[in-house]
Amino acid sequence: MFLPPYCPELNSIESLWSVVKGRIKTCLLEHQYQTITQEDFQKIMLDCLNEVQPEQQKRAARFNNRDYIYLQLSEYLDP
């Protein structure tokens, strides 16, 4: 069965990473960083990961586009 090389519809963690990336971008813009050290980035990343609420984690775990999956697999599922 063919699986595309990048398919966020099949990978639930992508929705959680989008939340974390959004928080990181917001933080970087708020502090107007022109350059950033690795230590500063690691601190920002840990802070953003720690801010993710359990509800967001649950939503990410439930997320996947089942309609997309069924559409792609329809030829295998139909008798």
N, C-alpha and C. Protein backbone atom coordinates (compact mmCIF):
# COMPACT_ATOMS: atom_id res chain seq x y z
N MET A 1 0.85 -1.17 0.00
CA MET A 1 0.00 0.00 0.00
C MET A 1 0.89 1.23 0.00
N PHE A 2 0.57 2.18 -0.86
CA PHE A 2 1.34 3.41 -0.95
C PHE A 2 1.00 4.34 0.21
N LEU A 3 2.02 4.85 0.89
CA LEU A 3 1.86 5.89 1.90
C LEU A 3 2.69 7.08 1.48
N PRO A 4 2.10 8.27 1.45
CA PRO A 4 2.87 9.45 1.04
C PRO A 4 4.01 9.72 2.01
N PRO A 5 5.11 10.34 1.54
CA PRO A 5 6.25 10.59 2.41
C PRO A 5 5.93 11.54 3.56
N TYR A 6 5.05 12.51 3.33
CA TYR A 6 4.66 13.42 4.39
C TYR A 6 3.15 13.50 4.36
N CYS A 7 2.53 13.04 5.41
CA CYS A 7 1.07 13.03 5.44
C CYS A 7 0.59 13.31 6.86
N PRO A 8 0.41 14.59 7.22
CA PRO A 8 0.00 14.91 8.58
C PRO A 8 -1.36 14.32 8.96
N GLU A 9 -2.19 14.00 7.96
CA GLU A 9 -3.49 13.40 8.26
C GLU A 9 -3.34 12.04 8.91
N LEU A 10 -2.20 11.39 8.71
CA LEU A 10 -1.98 10.07 9.29
C LEU A 10 -1.14 10.12 10.56
N ASN A 11 -0.72 11.30 10.97
CA ASN A 11 0.17 11.42 12.11
C ASN A 11 -0.39 12.43 13.11
N SER A 12 -0.96 11.94 14.19
CA SER A 12 -1.63 12.80 15.16
C SER A 12 -0.71 13.81 15.83
N ILE A 13 0.56 13.52 15.95
CA ILE A 13 1.47 14.42 16.65
C ILE A 13 1.63 15.74 15.89
N GLU A 14 1.34 15.75 14.59
CA GLU A 14 1.47 16.98 13.81
C GLU A 14 0.60 18.10 14.36
N SER A 15 -0.60 17.78 14.84
CA SER A 15 -1.47 18.83 15.38
C SER A 15 -0.90 19.41 16.67
N LEU A 16 -0.26 18.58 17.47
CA LEU A 16 0.37 19.07 18.70
C LEU A 16 1.58 19.93 18.37
N TRP A 17 2.39 19.49 17.41
CA TRP A 17 3.55 20.28 17.02
C TRP A 17 3.13 21.63 16.46
N SER A 18 2.01 21.71 15.78
CA SER A 18 1.57 23.01 15.25
C SER A 18 1.27 23.98 16.38
N VAL A 19 0.72 23.48 17.50
CA VAL A 19 0.47 24.33 18.67
C VAL A 19 1.79 24.82 19.25
N VAL A 20 2.74 23.90 19.41
CA VAL A 20 4.04 24.25 20.00
C VAL A 20 4.78 25.24 19.09
N LYS A 21 4.79 24.98 17.78
CA LYS A 21 5.48 25.88 16.86
C LYS A 21 4.86 27.28 16.90
N GLY A 22 3.54 27.35 17.00
CA GLY A 22 2.88 28.65 17.09
C GLY A 22 3.30 29.41 18.33
N ARG A 23 3.40 28.71 19.44
CA ARG A 23 3.84 29.35 20.69
C ARG A 23 5.29 29.83 20.58
N ILE A 24 6.15 29.03 19.96
CA ILE A 24 7.55 29.43 19.81
C ILE A 24 7.65 30.67 18.94
N LYS A 25 6.93 30.69 17.83
CA LYS A 25 6.96 31.86 16.94
C LYS A 25 6.47 33.10 17.65
N THR A 26 5.40 32.97 18.43
CA THR A 26 4.87 34.10 19.17
C THR A 26 5.91 34.63 20.16
N CYS A 27 6.55 33.72 20.87
CA CYS A 27 7.57 34.10 21.85
C CYS A 27 8.74 34.82 21.17
N LEU A 28 9.19 34.28 20.05
CA LEU A 28 10.30 34.90 19.33
C LEU A 28 9.93 36.30 18.84
N LEU A 29 8.70 36.46 18.36
CA LEU A 29 8.26 37.77 17.89
C LEU A 29 8.10 38.76 19.04
N GLU A 30 7.58 38.29 20.17
CA GLU A 30 7.40 39.17 21.33
C GLU A 30 8.73 39.71 21.83
N HIS A 31 9.77 38.88 21.80
CA HIS A 31 11.08 39.30 22.30
C HIS A 31 11.95 39.91 21.20
N GLN A 32 11.43 39.93 20.00
CA GLN A 32 12.12 40.52 18.84
C GLN A 32 13.56 40.04 18.72
N TYR A 33 13.72 38.74 18.77
CA TYR A 33 15.06 38.16 18.63
C TYR A 33 15.55 38.35 17.20
N GLN A 34 16.76 38.86 17.04
CA GLN A 34 17.42 38.90 15.73
C GLN A 34 18.28 37.65 15.57
N THR A 35 18.97 37.32 16.64
CA THR A 35 19.73 36.07 16.71
C THR A 35 19.42 35.44 18.06
N ILE A 36 19.63 34.16 18.14
CA ILE A 36 19.29 33.46 19.38
C ILE A 36 20.33 32.36 19.62
N THR A 37 20.71 32.21 20.86
CA THR A 37 21.67 31.16 21.20
C THR A 37 20.92 29.83 21.34
N GLN A 38 21.68 28.76 21.28
CA GLN A 38 21.07 27.44 21.44
C GLN A 38 20.44 27.30 22.82
N GLU A 39 21.09 27.83 23.84
CA GLU A 39 20.56 27.75 25.20
C GLU A 39 19.24 28.51 25.33
N ASP A 40 19.17 29.69 24.71
CA ASP A 40 17.92 30.46 24.74
C ASP A 40 16.81 29.71 24.01
N PHE A 41 17.14 29.13 22.86
CA PHE A 41 16.13 28.38 22.12
C PHE A 41 15.64 27.18 22.91
N GLN A 42 16.55 26.47 23.56
CA GLN A 42 16.15 25.32 24.37
C GLN A 42 15.22 25.75 25.51
N LYS A 43 15.51 26.89 26.13
CA LYS A 43 14.65 27.39 27.21
C LYS A 43 13.27 27.74 26.67
N ILE A 44 13.23 28.42 25.54
CA ILE A 44 11.95 28.78 24.93
C ILE A 44 11.17 27.52 24.57
N MET A 45 11.84 26.54 23.99
CA MET A 45 11.19 25.28 23.61
C MET A 45 10.61 24.57 24.82
N LEU A 46 11.38 24.47 25.89
CA LEU A 46 10.88 23.81 27.11
C LEU A 46 9.71 24.57 27.71
N ASP A 47 9.80 25.89 27.74
CA ASP A 47 8.70 26.69 28.26
C ASP A 47 7.43 26.48 27.45
N CYS A 48 7.57 26.46 26.13
CA CYS A 48 6.40 26.27 25.26
C CYS A 48 5.82 24.87 25.41
N LEU A 49 6.67 23.88 25.53
CA LEU A 49 6.17 22.51 25.73
C LEU A 49 5.45 22.38 27.07
N ASN A 50 5.98 23.04 28.10
CA ASN A 50 5.34 22.97 29.42
C ASN A 50 4.01 23.71 29.47
N GLU A 51 3.80 24.67 28.54
CA GLU A 51 2.55 25.43 28.52
C GLU A 51 1.41 24.67 27.84
N VAL A 52 1.71 23.60 27.15
CA VAL A 52 0.66 22.84 26.46
C VAL A 52 -0.22 22.18 27.51
N GLN A 53 -1.49 22.49 27.44
CA GLN A 53 -2.46 22.00 28.41
C GLN A 53 -2.89 20.57 28.10
N PRO A 54 -3.32 19.83 29.12
CA PRO A 54 -3.78 18.45 28.89
C PRO A 54 -4.92 18.36 27.87
N GLU A 55 -5.79 19.36 27.81
CA GLU A 55 -6.89 19.33 26.83
C GLU A 55 -6.33 19.37 25.41
N GLN A 56 -5.28 20.18 25.21
CA GLN A 56 -4.67 20.25 23.89
C GLN A 56 -3.99 18.93 23.54
N GLN A 57 -3.40 18.29 24.52
CA GLN A 57 -2.77 16.99 24.28
C GLN A 57 -3.82 15.96 23.89
N LYS A 58 -4.96 15.97 24.57
CA LYS A 58 -6.03 15.01 24.25
C LYS A 58 -6.59 15.25 22.86
N ARG A 59 -6.80 16.54 22.50
CA ARG A 59 -7.30 16.85 21.16
C ARG A 59 -6.32 16.38 20.09
N ALA A 60 -5.03 16.58 20.34
CA ALA A 60 -4.02 16.14 19.37
C ALA A 60 -4.02 14.62 19.23
N ALA A 61 -4.19 13.93 20.34
CA ALA A 61 -4.21 12.47 20.30
C ALA A 61 -5.42 11.94 19.54
N ARG A 62 -6.54 12.67 19.61
CA ARG A 62 -7.75 12.23 18.91
C ARG A 62 -7.74 12.65 17.45
N PHE A 63 -6.89 13.63 17.11
CA PHE A 63 -6.92 14.19 15.77
C PHE A 63 -6.38 13.22 14.74
N ASN A 64 -7.15 12.97 13.78
CA ASN A 64 -6.69 12.46 12.50
C ASN A 64 -7.86 12.59 11.55
N ASN A 65 -7.57 12.73 10.33
CA ASN A 65 -8.61 12.96 9.34
C ASN A 65 -9.09 11.60 8.83
N ARG A 66 -10.04 11.02 9.55
CA ARG A 66 -10.52 9.69 9.20
C ARG A 66 -11.14 9.65 7.81
N ASP A 67 -11.81 10.73 7.41
CA ASP A 67 -12.39 10.76 6.06
C ASP A 67 -11.30 10.62 5.00
N TYR A 68 -10.18 11.30 5.23
CA TYR A 68 -9.06 11.21 4.29
C TYR A 68 -8.52 9.78 4.24
N ILE A 69 -8.36 9.19 5.40
CA ILE A 69 -7.83 7.82 5.47
C ILE A 69 -8.77 6.85 4.75
N TYR A 70 -10.07 6.95 5.03
CA TYR A 70 -11.03 6.05 4.39
C TYR A 70 -11.08 6.27 2.88
N LEU A 71 -10.95 7.51 2.45
CA LEU A 71 -10.93 7.78 1.02
C LEU A 71 -9.73 7.10 0.37
N GLN A 72 -8.57 7.23 1.00
CA GLN A 72 -7.35 6.62 0.45
C GLN A 72 -7.41 5.10 0.47
N LEU A 73 -8.07 4.55 1.47
CA LEU A 73 -8.13 3.10 1.61
C LEU A 73 -9.40 2.49 1.02
N SER A 74 -10.26 3.30 0.43
CA SER A 74 -11.57 2.82 -0.01
C SER A 74 -11.47 1.63 -0.97
N GLU A 75 -10.48 1.63 -1.85
CA GLU A 75 -10.37 0.52 -2.79
C GLU A 75 -10.04 -0.78 -2.08
N TYR A 76 -9.40 -0.69 -0.91
CA TYR A 76 -9.06 -1.89 -0.14
C TYR A 76 -10.18 -2.31 0.80
N LEU A 77 -11.01 -1.34 1.21
CA LEU A 77 -12.06 -1.63 2.17
C LEU A 77 -13.34 -2.13 1.52
N ASP A 78 -13.61 -1.69 0.29
CA ASP A 78 -14.83 -2.12 -0.40
C ASP A 78 -14.64 -3.51 -0.97
N PRO A 79 -15.64 -4.38 -0.76
CA PRO A 79 -15.54 -5.75 -1.31
C PRO A 79 -15.70 -5.78 -2.82
